[in-house]
Amino acid sequence: MNKQPKALLTILTPAFNEAQSLPILHERLEAILSSQDLQWEWIVVDDHSRDNTWEVLQELALREPRLKAIRLARNSGAHTALACGLQHAKGDCAIVLAADLQDPPETIPALLEKWRAGAKIVWAVREEREGESTATKGFSRLYYWIMQRFVGVTDMPATGADFFLLDRRVIDVLSVFKESNVSLMALLTWMGFQQDRILYVKQARQHGQSGWSMEKKLKLAVDSVTAFTYKPIRFMSYLGFGVALAGFIYALVVMFYRVFYATQVPGYPSLIVTILVIGGLQMIMLGVLGEYTWRALDEARNRPRFIVEDEVGFGTKENSISNIQ
């Protein structure tokens, strides 16, 4: 009787300035996965780190044949790094695990158990976040509230999930999507499939500082809204109708005073305020339209989402053209 081959698990790790954390993560992965009845590979995507992350990965690759490392030619963000890694993943399933040690690899067996039970996407939902500032937690809650209540991605975990498992089928379908400005987590939730979740405690960062700046957070929020809903544009239409209606009513009031009282409605101050308010609303609406238009232009350019500068662990190197995606 032929023995079934062991499943292949891909651990996918985006890394930015994580030279200190990667050797520790490697040791913990070895300890956890050695007890699992499967094969595994570890793909690390260096998002053009400024420290010696790439040198550390090259050294690790010399003694860890399961490690495949990719260095991007420019800093492109964690979601782009994930897209790059998923294109190289060969596993029957892939687990996205950050390099900062905040997401404990000891949670991997629980994710695999849900996958073996039939789930195609398994979210590790943050039950608690250690070592995070009040502002960070507040922005996160606001973001997920907007995604659930305003955008309509109701199945997205309310407390967020950066740590998750994807089945091979999901990875293959995800490769069809070529959008550059989109939240990967929101896209996965929108795609459907059988989804499940586990709870875990996100631990405090042990080394270095997060590269997840407020500017990047705001861009993610705008990308997430514009990628999944037209409600801001619809709101602009309603607002424009409301302002026009208010102007029409004000014109009737002026005519009333002129006809019945032979006086003009005083109000240079009110006129200036009205002009400023309407002008401000118009600029805001132009800004919203500009966000949508720019993203449409960015997609129409069809520029590569990432460019690979170097790689180790893949055997023979691919030519430079195939390293542009």
C-alpha atoms as a PDB file:
ATOM      1  CA  MET A   1       0.000   0.000   0.000  1.00  0.00           C
ATOM      2  CA  ASN A   2       1.398   3.378  -1.048  1.00  0.00           C
ATOM      3  CA  LYS A   3       2.059   5.756   1.788  1.00  0.00           C
ATOM      4  CA  GLN A   4       0.582   9.228   1.398  1.00  0.00           C
ATOM      5  CA  PRO A   5       3.285  11.929   1.104  1.00  0.00           C
ATOM      6  CA  LYS A   6       3.510  14.341   3.975  1.00  0.00           C
ATOM      7  CA  ALA A   7       1.879  17.720   3.534  1.00  0.00           C
ATOM      8  CA  LEU A   8       4.180  20.643   2.785  1.00  0.00           C
ATOM      9  CA  LEU A   9       3.764  23.748   4.935  1.00  0.00           C
ATOM     10  CA  THR A  10       5.094  27.137   3.861  1.00  0.00           C
ATOM     11  CA  ILE A  11       5.953  29.611   6.601  1.00  0.00           C
ATOM     12  CA  LEU A  12       5.936  33.070   5.018  1.00  0.00           C
ATOM     13  CA  THR A  13       7.679  35.867   6.905  1.00  0.00           C
ATOM     14  CA  PRO A  14       7.906  39.499   5.753  1.00  0.00           C
ATOM     15  CA  ALA A  15      10.854  41.204   7.443  1.00  0.00           C
ATOM     16  CA  PHE A  16      12.042  44.784   7.759  1.00  0.00           C
ATOM     17  CA  ASN A  17      15.033  45.529  10.003  1.00  0.00           C
ATOM     18  CA  GLU A  18      14.660  42.220  11.868  1.00  0.00           C
ATOM     19  CA  ALA A  19      18.292  41.038  12.046  1.00  0.00           C
ATOM     20  CA  GLN A  20      18.052  40.315  15.780  1.00  0.00           C
ATOM     21  CA  SER A  21      14.704  38.508  15.664  1.00  0.00           C
ATOM     22  CA  LEU A  22      15.208  36.136  12.724  1.00  0.00           C
ATOM     23  CA  PRO A  23      17.676  33.689  14.391  1.00  0.00           C
ATOM     24  CA  ILE A  24      15.373  33.435  17.420  1.00  0.00           C
ATOM     25  CA  LEU A  25      12.344  32.861  15.202  1.00  0.00           C
ATOM     26  CA  HIS A  26      14.240  30.140  13.338  1.00  0.00           C
ATOM     27  CA  GLU A  27      15.005  28.285  16.573  1.00  0.00           C
ATOM     28  CA  ARG A  28      11.387  28.466  17.705  1.00  0.00           C
ATOM     29  CA  LEU A  29      10.108  27.285  14.318  1.00  0.00           C
ATOM     30  CA  GLU A  30      12.428  24.289  14.410  1.00  0.00           C
ATOM     31  CA  ALA A  31      11.299  23.392  17.924  1.00  0.00           C
ATOM     32  CA  ILE A  32       7.585  23.619  17.052  1.00  0.00           C
ATOM     33  CA  LEU A  33       7.562  22.057  13.582  1.00  0.00           C
ATOM     34  CA  SER A  34       9.828  19.127  14.437  1.00  0.00           C
ATOM     35  CA  SER A  35       6.895  17.607  16.317  1.00  0.00           C
ATOM     36  CA  GLN A  36       4.495  18.003  13.372  1.00  0.00           C
ATOM     37  CA  ASP A  37       3.955  15.231  10.836  1.00  0.00           C
ATOM     38  CA  LEU A  38       4.718  17.369   7.800  1.00  0.00           C
ATOM     39  CA  GLN A  39       7.436  18.888   5.657  1.00  0.00           C
ATOM     40  CA  TRP A  40       8.007  22.623   5.750  1.00  0.00           C
ATOM     41  CA  GLU A  41       9.762  25.460   3.996  1.00  0.00           C
ATOM     42  CA  TRP A  42      10.462  28.955   5.296  1.00  0.00           C
ATOM     43  CA  ILE A  43      10.226  31.898   2.898  1.00  0.00           C
ATOM     44  CA  VAL A  44      11.475  35.220   4.246  1.00  0.00           C
ATOM     45  CA  VAL A  45      10.953  38.375   2.186  1.00  0.00           C
ATOM     46  CA  ASP A  46      13.358  41.154   3.192  1.00  0.00           C
ATOM     47  CA  ASP A  47      11.506  44.384   2.448  1.00  0.00           C
ATOM     48  CA  HIS A  48      14.779  46.200   1.649  1.00  0.00           C
ATOM     49  CA  SER A  49      15.886  46.457   5.283  1.00  0.00           C
ATOM     50  CA  ARG A  50      18.378  49.134   6.317  1.00  0.00           C
ATOM     51  CA  ASP A  51      20.157  46.931   8.865  1.00  0.00           C
ATOM     52  CA  ASN A  52      21.996  43.639   8.236  1.00  0.00           C
ATOM     53  CA  THR A  53      18.829  41.554   7.893  1.00  0.00           C
ATOM     54  CA  TRP A  54      19.904  40.294   4.458  1.00  0.00           C
ATOM     55  CA  GLU A  55      23.339  39.224   5.708  1.00  0.00           C
ATOM     56  CA  VAL A  56      21.699  37.348   8.599  1.00  0.00           C
ATOM     57  CA  LEU A  57      19.411  35.542   6.141  1.00  0.00           C
ATOM     58  CA  GLN A  58      22.370  34.574   3.952  1.00  0.00           C
ATOM     59  CA  GLU A  59      24.139  33.081   6.970  1.00  0.00           C
ATOM     60  CA  LEU A  60      21.008  31.225   8.079  1.00  0.00           C
ATOM     61  CA  ALA A  61      20.558  29.781   4.588  1.00  0.00           C
ATOM     62  CA  LEU A  62      23.986  28.140   4.782  1.00  0.00           C
ATOM     63  CA  ARG A  63      22.827  25.842   7.593  1.00  0.00           C
ATOM     64  CA  GLU A  64      19.061  25.750   6.970  1.00  0.00           C
ATOM     65  CA  PRO A  65      18.189  24.166   3.590  1.00  0.00           C
ATOM     66  CA  ARG A  66      14.479  24.845   4.130  1.00  0.00           C
ATOM     67  CA  LEU A  67      15.050  28.617   4.132  1.00  0.00           C
ATOM     68  CA  LYS A  68      14.375  30.600   0.958  1.00  0.00           C
ATOM     69  CA  ALA A  69      15.086  34.306   1.229  1.00  0.00           C
ATOM     70  CA  ILE A  70      14.134  37.126  -1.129  1.00  0.00           C
ATOM     71  CA  ARG A  71      15.314  40.718  -0.953  1.00  0.00           C
ATOM     72  CA  LEU A  72      13.162  43.378  -2.608  1.00  0.00           C
ATOM     73  CA  ALA A  73      14.872  46.160  -4.528  1.00  0.00           C
ATOM     74  CA  ARG A  74      12.950  48.847  -2.640  1.00  0.00           C
ATOM     75  CA  ASN A  75      10.876  49.137   0.495  1.00  0.00           C
ATOM     76  CA  SER A  76       7.363  48.297  -0.697  1.00  0.00           C
ATOM     77  CA  GLY A  77       5.414  47.526   2.486  1.00  0.00           C
ATOM     78  CA  ALA A  78       4.411  44.332   4.263  1.00  0.00           C
ATOM     79  CA  HIS A  79       1.438  43.563   2.000  1.00  0.00           C
ATOM     80  CA  THR A  80       3.594  43.724  -1.141  1.00  0.00           C
ATOM     81  CA  ALA A  81       6.207  41.535   0.559  1.00  0.00           C
ATOM     82  CA  LEU A  82       3.465  39.009   1.326  1.00  0.00           C
ATOM     83  CA  ALA A  83       2.302  39.041  -2.300  1.00  0.00           C
ATOM     84  CA  CYS A  84       5.873  38.323  -3.380  1.00  0.00           C
ATOM     85  CA  GLY A  85       6.251  35.467  -0.896  1.00  0.00           C
ATOM     86  CA  LEU A  86       2.936  33.865  -1.806  1.00  0.00           C
ATOM     87  CA  GLN A  87       3.986  33.728  -5.469  1.00  0.00           C
ATOM     88  CA  HIS A  88       6.968  31.618  -4.410  1.00  0.00           C
ATOM     89  CA  ALA A  89       5.128  29.410  -1.875  1.00  0.00           C
ATOM     90  CA  LYS A  90       4.993  25.712  -2.792  1.00  0.00           C
ATOM     91  CA  GLY A  91       3.171  24.413   0.273  1.00  0.00           C
ATOM     92  CA  ASP A  92      -0.218  22.729   0.541  1.00  0.00           C
ATOM     93  CA  CYS A  93      -0.929  25.608   2.880  1.00  0.00           C
ATOM     94  CA  ALA A  94       0.940  28.733   3.962  1.00  0.00           C
ATOM     95  CA  ILE A  95       1.099  30.488   7.320  1.00  0.00           C
ATOM     96  CA  VAL A  96       1.893  34.191   7.382  1.00  0.00           C
ATOM     97  CA  LEU A  97       4.055  34.902  10.415  1.00  0.00           C
ATOM     98  CA  ALA A  98       5.781  38.238  11.090  1.00  0.00           C
ATOM     99  CA  ALA A  99       9.464  38.300  12.018  1.00  0.00           C
ATOM    100  CA  ASP A 100       9.079  40.535  15.082  1.00  0.00           C
ATOM    101  CA  LEU A 101       8.182  37.625  17.438  1.00  0.00           C
ATOM    102  CA  GLN A 102       4.929  39.317  18.468  1.00  0.00           C
ATOM    103  CA  ASP A 103       2.960  36.477  16.891  1.00  0.00           C
ATOM    104  CA  PRO A 104       4.070  33.310  18.736  1.00  0.00           C
ATOM    105  CA  PRO A 105       4.953  30.411  16.400  1.00  0.00           C
ATOM    106  CA  GLU A 106       3.706  28.100  19.144  1.00  0.00           C
ATOM    107  CA  THR A 107       0.215  28.924  17.803  1.00  0.00           C
ATOM    108  CA  ILE A 108       0.958  27.147  14.493  1.00  0.00           C
ATOM    109  CA  PRO A 109      -0.362  23.684  15.575  1.00  0.00           C
ATOM    110  CA  ALA A 110      -3.748  25.224  16.420  1.00  0.00           C
ATOM    111  CA  LEU A 111      -3.928  26.805  12.948  1.00  0.00           C
ATOM    112  CA  LEU A 112      -3.018  23.501  11.310  1.00  0.00           C
ATOM    113  CA  GLU A 113      -5.699  21.680  13.288  1.00  0.00           C
ATOM    114  CA  LYS A 114      -8.390  24.008  11.922  1.00  0.00           C
ATOM    115  CA  TRP A 115      -6.982  23.568   8.399  1.00  0.00           C
ATOM    116  CA  ARG A 116      -7.049  19.777   8.662  1.00  0.00           C
ATOM    117  CA  ALA A 117     -10.664  20.095   9.791  1.00  0.00           C
ATOM    118  CA  GLY A 118     -11.532  21.716   6.461  1.00  0.00           C
ATOM    119  CA  ALA A 119     -11.036  25.467   6.825  1.00  0.00           C
ATOM    120  CA  LYS A 120      -9.440  27.180   3.831  1.00  0.00           C
ATOM    121  CA  ILE A 121      -8.537  30.373   5.703  1.00  0.00           C
ATOM    122  CA  VAL A 122      -7.751  30.330   9.416  1.00  0.00           C
ATOM    123  CA  TRP A 123      -7.331  33.638  11.248  1.00  0.00           C
ATOM    124  CA  ALA A 124      -5.306  33.979  14.444  1.00  0.00           C
ATOM    125  CA  VAL A 125      -7.391  36.726  16.051  1.00  0.00           C
ATOM    126  CA  ARG A 126      -5.758  39.028  18.581  1.00  0.00           C
ATOM    127  CA  GLU A 127      -7.466  38.492  21.930  1.00  0.00           C
ATOM    128  CA  GLU A 128      -5.050  40.863  23.639  1.00  0.00           C
ATOM    129  CA  ARG A 129      -2.154  43.093  22.545  1.00  0.00           C
ATOM    130  CA  GLU A 130       0.771  43.417  24.908  1.00  0.00           C
ATOM    131  CA  GLY A 131       3.102  46.402  24.864  1.00  0.00           C
ATOM    132  CA  GLU A 132       1.046  48.486  22.432  1.00  0.00           C
ATOM    133  CA  SER A 133       0.258  52.164  23.026  1.00  0.00           C
ATOM    134  CA  THR A 134      -3.277  53.425  23.526  1.00  0.00           C
ATOM    135  CA  ALA A 135      -3.048  55.352  20.245  1.00  0.00           C
ATOM    136  CA  THR A 136      -2.048  52.213  18.302  1.00  0.00           C
ATOM    137  CA  LYS A 137      -4.901  50.190  19.796  1.00  0.00           C
ATOM    138  CA  GLY A 138      -7.355  53.033  19.197  1.00  0.00           C
ATOM    139  CA  PHE A 139      -6.387  53.420  15.523  1.00  0.00           C
ATOM    140  CA  SER A 140      -6.669  49.657  15.053  1.00  0.00           C
ATOM    141  CA  ARG A 141     -10.167  49.544  16.569  1.00  0.00           C
ATOM    142  CA  LEU A 142     -11.253  52.496  14.428  1.00  0.00           C
ATOM    143  CA  TYR A 143      -9.889  50.870  11.267  1.00  0.00           C
ATOM    144  CA  TYR A 144     -11.689  47.567  11.815  1.00  0.00           C
ATOM    145  CA  TRP A 145     -14.884  49.386  12.827  1.00  0.00           C
ATOM    146  CA  ILE A 146     -14.784  51.306   9.514  1.00  0.00           C
ATOM    147  CA  MET A 147     -14.161  48.095   7.576  1.00  0.00           C
ATOM    148  CA  GLN A 148     -17.064  46.291   9.247  1.00  0.00           C
ATOM    149  CA  ARG A 149     -19.657  49.057   9.559  1.00  0.00           C
ATOM    150  CA  PHE A 150     -18.872  51.448   6.698  1.00  0.00           C
ATOM    151  CA  VAL A 151     -17.137  49.375   4.028  1.00  0.00           C
ATOM    152  CA  GLY A 152     -19.265  46.301   4.701  1.00  0.00           C
ATOM    153  CA  VAL A 153     -16.572  43.636   5.161  1.00  0.00           C
ATOM    154  CA  THR A 154     -18.509  42.277   8.113  1.00  0.00           C
ATOM    155  CA  ASP A 155     -16.585  39.019   8.501  1.00  0.00           C
ATOM    156  CA  MET A 156     -13.281  40.769   9.180  1.00  0.00           C
ATOM    157  CA  PRO A 157     -12.154  40.089  12.786  1.00  0.00           C
ATOM    158  CA  ALA A 158     -13.049  43.085  14.955  1.00  0.00           C
ATOM    159  CA  THR A 159      -9.702  43.088  16.774  1.00  0.00           C
ATOM    160  CA  GLY A 160      -7.575  42.401  13.708  1.00  0.00           C
ATOM    161  CA  ALA A 161      -5.522  39.448  12.464  1.00  0.00           C
ATOM    162  CA  ASP A 162      -2.027  39.736  10.989  1.00  0.00           C
ATOM    163  CA  PHE A 163      -1.271  36.043  11.565  1.00  0.00           C
ATOM    164  CA  PHE A 164      -3.191  33.540   9.416  1.00  0.00           C
ATOM    165  CA  LEU A 165      -3.186  30.340   7.372  1.00  0.00           C
ATOM    166  CA  LEU A 166      -4.143  29.981   3.707  1.00  0.00           C
ATOM    167  CA  ASP A 167      -4.982  26.770   1.894  1.00  0.00           C
ATOM    168  CA  ARG A 168      -3.298  26.032  -1.453  1.00  0.00           C
ATOM    169  CA  ARG A 169      -6.571  26.717  -3.258  1.00  0.00           C
ATOM    170  CA  VAL A 170      -6.786  30.197  -1.742  1.00  0.00           C
ATOM    171  CA  ILE A 171      -3.168  30.957  -2.662  1.00  0.00           C
ATOM    172  CA  ASP A 172      -3.798  29.946  -6.276  1.00  0.00           C
ATOM    173  CA  VAL A 173      -6.945  32.077  -6.521  1.00  0.00           C
ATOM    174  CA  LEU A 174      -5.199  35.004  -4.829  1.00  0.00           C
ATOM    175  CA  SER A 175      -2.556  34.997  -7.575  1.00  0.00           C
ATOM    176  CA  VAL A 176      -5.264  36.051 -10.056  1.00  0.00           C
ATOM    177  CA  PHE A 177      -5.691  39.394  -8.278  1.00  0.00           C
ATOM    178  CA  LYS A 178      -3.206  42.009  -9.493  1.00  0.00           C
ATOM    179  CA  GLU A 179      -4.378  45.028  -7.492  1.00  0.00           C
ATOM    180  CA  SER A 180      -1.577  47.138  -6.049  1.00  0.00           C
ATOM    181  CA  ASN A 181      -3.494  49.323  -3.600  1.00  0.00           C
ATOM    182  CA  VAL A 182      -5.505  46.962  -1.462  1.00  0.00           C
ATOM    183  CA  SER A 183      -5.535  45.452   2.005  1.00  0.00           C
ATOM    184  CA  LEU A 184      -4.596  41.773   1.735  1.00  0.00           C
ATOM    185  CA  MET A 185      -6.584  40.881   4.854  1.00  0.00           C
ATOM    186  CA  ALA A 186      -9.700  42.644   3.569  1.00  0.00           C
ATOM    187  CA  LEU A 187      -9.305  40.941   0.182  1.00  0.00           C
ATOM    188  CA  LEU A 188      -9.027  37.504   1.786  1.00  0.00           C
ATOM    189  CA  THR A 189     -12.147  38.145   3.864  1.00  0.00           C
ATOM    190  CA  TRP A 190     -14.038  39.372   0.785  1.00  0.00           C
ATOM    191  CA  MET A 191     -13.003  36.295  -1.249  1.00  0.00           C
ATOM    192  CA  GLY A 192     -15.113  33.981   0.881  1.00  0.00           C
ATOM    193  CA  PHE A 193     -14.077  30.309   1.259  1.00  0.00           C
ATOM    194  CA  GLN A 194     -14.617  28.380   4.465  1.00  0.00           C
ATOM    195  CA  GLN A 195     -13.021  30.463   7.202  1.00  0.00           C
ATOM    196  CA  ASP A 196     -12.311  29.767  10.850  1.00  0.00           C
ATOM    197  CA  ARG A 197     -10.403  31.457  13.654  1.00  0.00           C
ATOM    198  CA  ILE A 198      -8.477  30.911  16.832  1.00  0.00           C
ATOM    199  CA  LEU A 199      -7.622  33.374  19.607  1.00  0.00           C
ATOM    200  CA  TYR A 200      -4.118  34.258  20.743  1.00  0.00           C
ATOM    201  CA  VAL A 201      -2.252  36.946  22.670  1.00  0.00           C
ATOM    202  CA  LYS A 202      -0.090  39.250  20.545  1.00  0.00           C
ATOM    203  CA  GLN A 203       3.106  39.666  22.496  1.00  0.00           C
ATOM    204  CA  ALA A 204       5.239  42.769  23.002  1.00  0.00           C
ATOM    205  CA  ARG A 205       8.046  43.434  20.544  1.00  0.00           C
ATOM    206  CA  GLN A 206      11.386  42.147  21.833  1.00  0.00           C
ATOM    207  CA  HIS A 207      13.807  43.822  19.424  1.00  0.00           C
ATOM    208  CA  GLY A 208      13.879  46.942  17.292  1.00  0.00           C
ATOM    209  CA  GLN A 209      11.045  49.254  16.353  1.00  0.00           C
ATOM    210  CA  SER A 210       8.053  48.741  14.128  1.00  0.00           C
ATOM    211  CA  GLY A 211       8.267  50.172  10.614  1.00  0.00           C
ATOM    212  CA  TRP A 212       4.465  50.431  10.567  1.00  0.00           C
ATOM    213  CA  SER A 213       4.303  54.259  10.622  1.00  0.00           C
ATOM    214  CA  MET A 214       1.185  56.394  10.896  1.00  0.00           C
ATOM    215  CA  GLU A 215       1.582  57.365   7.237  1.00  0.00           C
ATOM    216  CA  LYS A 216       1.474  53.696   6.218  1.00  0.00           C
ATOM    217  CA  LYS A 217      -1.525  53.087   8.468  1.00  0.00           C
ATOM    218  CA  LEU A 218      -3.439  55.963   6.884  1.00  0.00           C
ATOM    219  CA  LYS A 219      -2.585  54.729   3.388  1.00  0.00           C
ATOM    220  CA  LEU A 220      -3.828  51.251   4.305  1.00  0.00           C
ATOM    221  CA  ALA A 221      -7.084  52.740   5.602  1.00  0.00           C
ATOM    222  CA  VAL A 222      -7.644  54.760   2.420  1.00  0.00           C
ATOM    223  CA  ASP A 223      -6.669  51.803   0.209  1.00  0.00           C
ATOM    224  CA  SER A 224      -9.088  49.547   2.084  1.00  0.00           C
ATOM    225  CA  VAL A 225     -12.011  51.948   1.710  1.00  0.00           C
ATOM    226  CA  THR A 226     -11.442  52.816  -1.957  1.00  0.00           C
ATOM    227  CA  ALA A 227     -10.846  49.174  -2.929  1.00  0.00           C
ATOM    228  CA  PHE A 228     -14.101  47.829  -1.543  1.00  0.00           C
ATOM    229  CA  THR A 229     -16.762  50.535  -1.568  1.00  0.00           C
ATOM    230  CA  TYR A 230     -18.016  53.536  -3.533  1.00  0.00           C
ATOM    231  CA  LYS A 231     -19.815  54.971  -0.471  1.00  0.00           C
ATOM    232  CA  PRO A 232     -17.571  58.068  -0.195  1.00  0.00           C
ATOM    233  CA  ILE A 233     -18.541  59.063  -3.737  1.00  0.00           C
ATOM    234  CA  ARG A 234     -22.218  58.354  -3.038  1.00  0.00           C
ATOM    235  CA  PHE A 235     -21.954  60.442   0.147  1.00  0.00           C
ATOM    236  CA  MET A 236     -20.536  63.307  -1.924  1.00  0.00           C
ATOM    237  CA  SER A 237     -23.605  63.150  -4.161  1.00  0.00           C
ATOM    238  CA  TYR A 238     -25.917  63.307  -1.158  1.00  0.00           C
ATOM    239  CA  LEU A 239     -23.909  66.153   0.338  1.00  0.00           C
ATOM    240  CA  GLY A 240     -23.986  68.082  -2.926  1.00  0.00           C
ATOM    241  CA  PHE A 241     -27.761  67.652  -3.122  1.00  0.00           C
ATOM    242  CA  GLY A 242     -28.112  68.830   0.481  1.00  0.00           C
ATOM    243  CA  VAL A 243     -25.980  71.945  -0.091  1.00  0.00           C
ATOM    244  CA  ALA A 244     -27.915  72.768  -3.271  1.00  0.00           C
ATOM    245  CA  LEU A 245     -31.202  72.370  -1.400  1.00  0.00           C
ATOM    246  CA  ALA A 246     -29.976  74.643   1.402  1.00  0.00           C
ATOM    247  CA  GLY A 247     -28.959  77.249  -1.197  1.00  0.00           C
ATOM    248  CA  PHE A 248     -32.375  77.073  -2.829  1.00  0.00           C
ATOM    249  CA  ILE A 249     -34.110  77.530   0.534  1.00  0.00           C
ATOM    250  CA  TYR A 250     -31.849  80.472   1.367  1.00  0.00           C
ATOM    251  CA  ALA A 251     -32.703  82.058  -1.997  1.00  0.00           C
ATOM    252  CA  LEU A 252     -36.438  81.782  -1.155  1.00  0.00           C
ATOM    253  CA  VAL A 253     -35.809  83.471   2.200  1.00  0.00           C
ATOM    254  CA  VAL A 254     -34.009  86.364   0.474  1.00  0.00           C
ATOM    255  CA  MET A 255     -36.845  86.761  -2.020  1.00  0.00           C
ATOM    256  CA  PHE A 256     -39.431  86.667   0.776  1.00  0.00           C
ATOM    257  CA  TYR A 257     -37.751  89.502   2.697  1.00  0.00           C
ATOM    258  CA  ARG A 258     -37.293  91.497  -0.499  1.00  0.00           C
ATOM    259  CA  VAL A 259     -40.916  91.182  -1.638  1.00  0.00           C
ATOM    260  CA  PHE A 260     -42.776  91.514   1.663  1.00  0.00           C
ATOM    261  CA  TYR A 261     -40.457  93.749   3.696  1.00  0.00           C
ATOM    262  CA  ALA A 262     -38.612  95.591   0.907  1.00  0.00           C
ATOM    263  CA  THR A 263     -35.354  94.832   2.704  1.00  0.00           C
ATOM    264  CA  GLN A 264     -32.357  92.777   1.936  1.00  0.00           C
ATOM    265  CA  VAL A 265     -31.233  89.998   4.219  1.00  0.00           C
ATOM    266  CA  PRO A 266     -28.118  91.329   5.970  1.00  0.00           C
ATOM    267  CA  GLY A 267     -25.164  89.070   6.115  1.00  0.00           C
ATOM    268  CA  TYR A 268     -21.751  89.726   4.743  1.00  0.00           C
ATOM    269  CA  PRO A 269     -20.377  87.529   7.574  1.00  0.00           C
ATOM    270  CA  SER A 270     -22.866  84.779   6.812  1.00  0.00           C
ATOM    271  CA  LEU A 271     -22.046  85.078   3.092  1.00  0.00           C
ATOM    272  CA  ILE A 272     -18.320  84.683   3.753  1.00  0.00           C
ATOM    273  CA  VAL A 273     -18.958  81.714   6.043  1.00  0.00           C
ATOM    274  CA  THR A 274     -21.163  80.111   3.393  1.00  0.00           C
ATOM    275  CA  ILE A 275     -18.509  80.587   0.711  1.00  0.00           C
ATOM    276  CA  LEU A 276     -15.782  79.137   2.926  1.00  0.00           C
ATOM    277  CA  VAL A 277     -17.879  76.135   3.974  1.00  0.00           C
ATOM    278  CA  ILE A 278     -18.967  75.306   0.421  1.00  0.00           C
ATOM    279  CA  GLY A 279     -15.448  75.873  -0.898  1.00  0.00           C
ATOM    280  CA  GLY A 280     -14.027  73.600   1.782  1.00  0.00           C
ATOM    281  CA  LEU A 281     -16.557  70.881   0.995  1.00  0.00           C
ATOM    282  CA  GLN A 282     -15.725  71.122  -2.691  1.00  0.00           C
ATOM    283  CA  MET A 283     -12.010  70.688  -1.996  1.00  0.00           C
ATOM    284  CA  ILE A 284     -12.691  67.695   0.239  1.00  0.00           C
ATOM    285  CA  MET A 285     -14.847  66.108  -2.446  1.00  0.00           C
ATOM    286  CA  LEU A 286     -12.194  66.768  -5.084  1.00  0.00           C
ATOM    287  CA  GLY A 287      -9.686  65.084  -2.769  1.00  0.00           C
ATOM    288  CA  VAL A 288     -11.871  61.990  -2.448  1.00  0.00           C
ATOM    289  CA  LEU A 289     -12.338  61.835  -6.218  1.00  0.00           C
ATOM    290  CA  GLY A 290      -8.591  62.278  -6.596  1.00  0.00           C
ATOM    291  CA  GLU A 291      -7.907  59.265  -4.359  1.00  0.00           C
ATOM    292  CA  TYR A 292     -10.115  57.062  -6.541  1.00  0.00           C
ATOM    293  CA  THR A 293      -8.731  58.535  -9.784  1.00  0.00           C
ATOM    294  CA  TRP A 294      -5.108  58.120  -8.712  1.00  0.00           C
ATOM    295  CA  ARG A 295      -5.672  54.477  -7.815  1.00  0.00           C
ATOM    296  CA  ALA A 296      -7.314  53.845 -11.163  1.00  0.00           C
ATOM    297  CA  LEU A 297      -4.330  55.480 -12.873  1.00  0.00           C
ATOM    298  CA  ASP A 298      -1.894  53.467 -10.765  1.00  0.00           C
ATOM    299  CA  GLU A 299      -3.581  50.211 -11.775  1.00  0.00           C
ATOM    300  CA  ALA A 300      -3.720  51.300 -15.440  1.00  0.00           C
ATOM    301  CA  ARG A 301       0.060  51.900 -15.465  1.00  0.00           C
ATOM    302  CA  ASN A 302       0.477  48.214 -14.646  1.00  0.00           C
ATOM    303  CA  ARG A 303       3.825  48.787 -12.982  1.00  0.00           C
ATOM    304  CA  PRO A 304       5.340  45.758 -11.219  1.00  0.00           C
ATOM    305  CA  ARG A 305       4.207  45.367  -7.631  1.00  0.00           C
ATOM    306  CA  PHE A 306       7.695  44.359  -6.565  1.00  0.00           C
ATOM    307  CA  ILE A 307      11.190  43.893  -7.960  1.00  0.00           C
ATOM    308  CA  VAL A 308      13.477  41.209  -6.549  1.00  0.00           C
ATOM    309  CA  GLU A 309      17.022  42.419  -5.942  1.00  0.00           C
ATOM    310  CA  ASP A 310      18.513  39.164  -4.684  1.00  0.00           C
ATOM    311  CA  GLU A 311      17.522  35.713  -3.470  1.00  0.00           C
ATOM    312  CA  VAL A 312      19.043  32.675  -1.764  1.00  0.00           C
ATOM    313  CA  GLY A 313      17.852  29.100  -1.380  1.00  0.00           C
ATOM    314  CA  PHE A 314      16.042  28.781  -4.708  1.00  0.00           C
ATOM    315  CA  GLY A 315      18.732  26.832  -6.545  1.00  0.00           C
ATOM    316  CA  THR A 316      19.428  28.244 -10.000  1.00  0.00           C
ATOM    317  CA  LYS A 317      18.603  31.913 -10.182  1.00  0.00           C
ATOM    318  CA  GLU A 318      15.831  33.081 -12.429  1.00  0.00           C
ATOM    319  CA  ASN A 319      16.539  35.799 -14.924  1.00  0.00           C
ATOM    320  CA  SER A 320      15.936  39.393 -13.903  1.00  0.00           C
ATOM    321  CA  ILE A 321      12.804  39.724 -16.023  1.00  0.00           C
ATOM    322  CA  SER A 322      10.998  36.969 -14.097  1.00  0.00           C
ATOM    323  CA  ASN A 323      11.972  38.700 -10.853  1.00  0.00           C
ATOM    324  CA  ILE A 324       9.714  41.617 -11.725  1.00  0.00           C
ATOM    325  CA  GLN A 325       6.084  41.039 -10.765  1.00  0.00           C
END
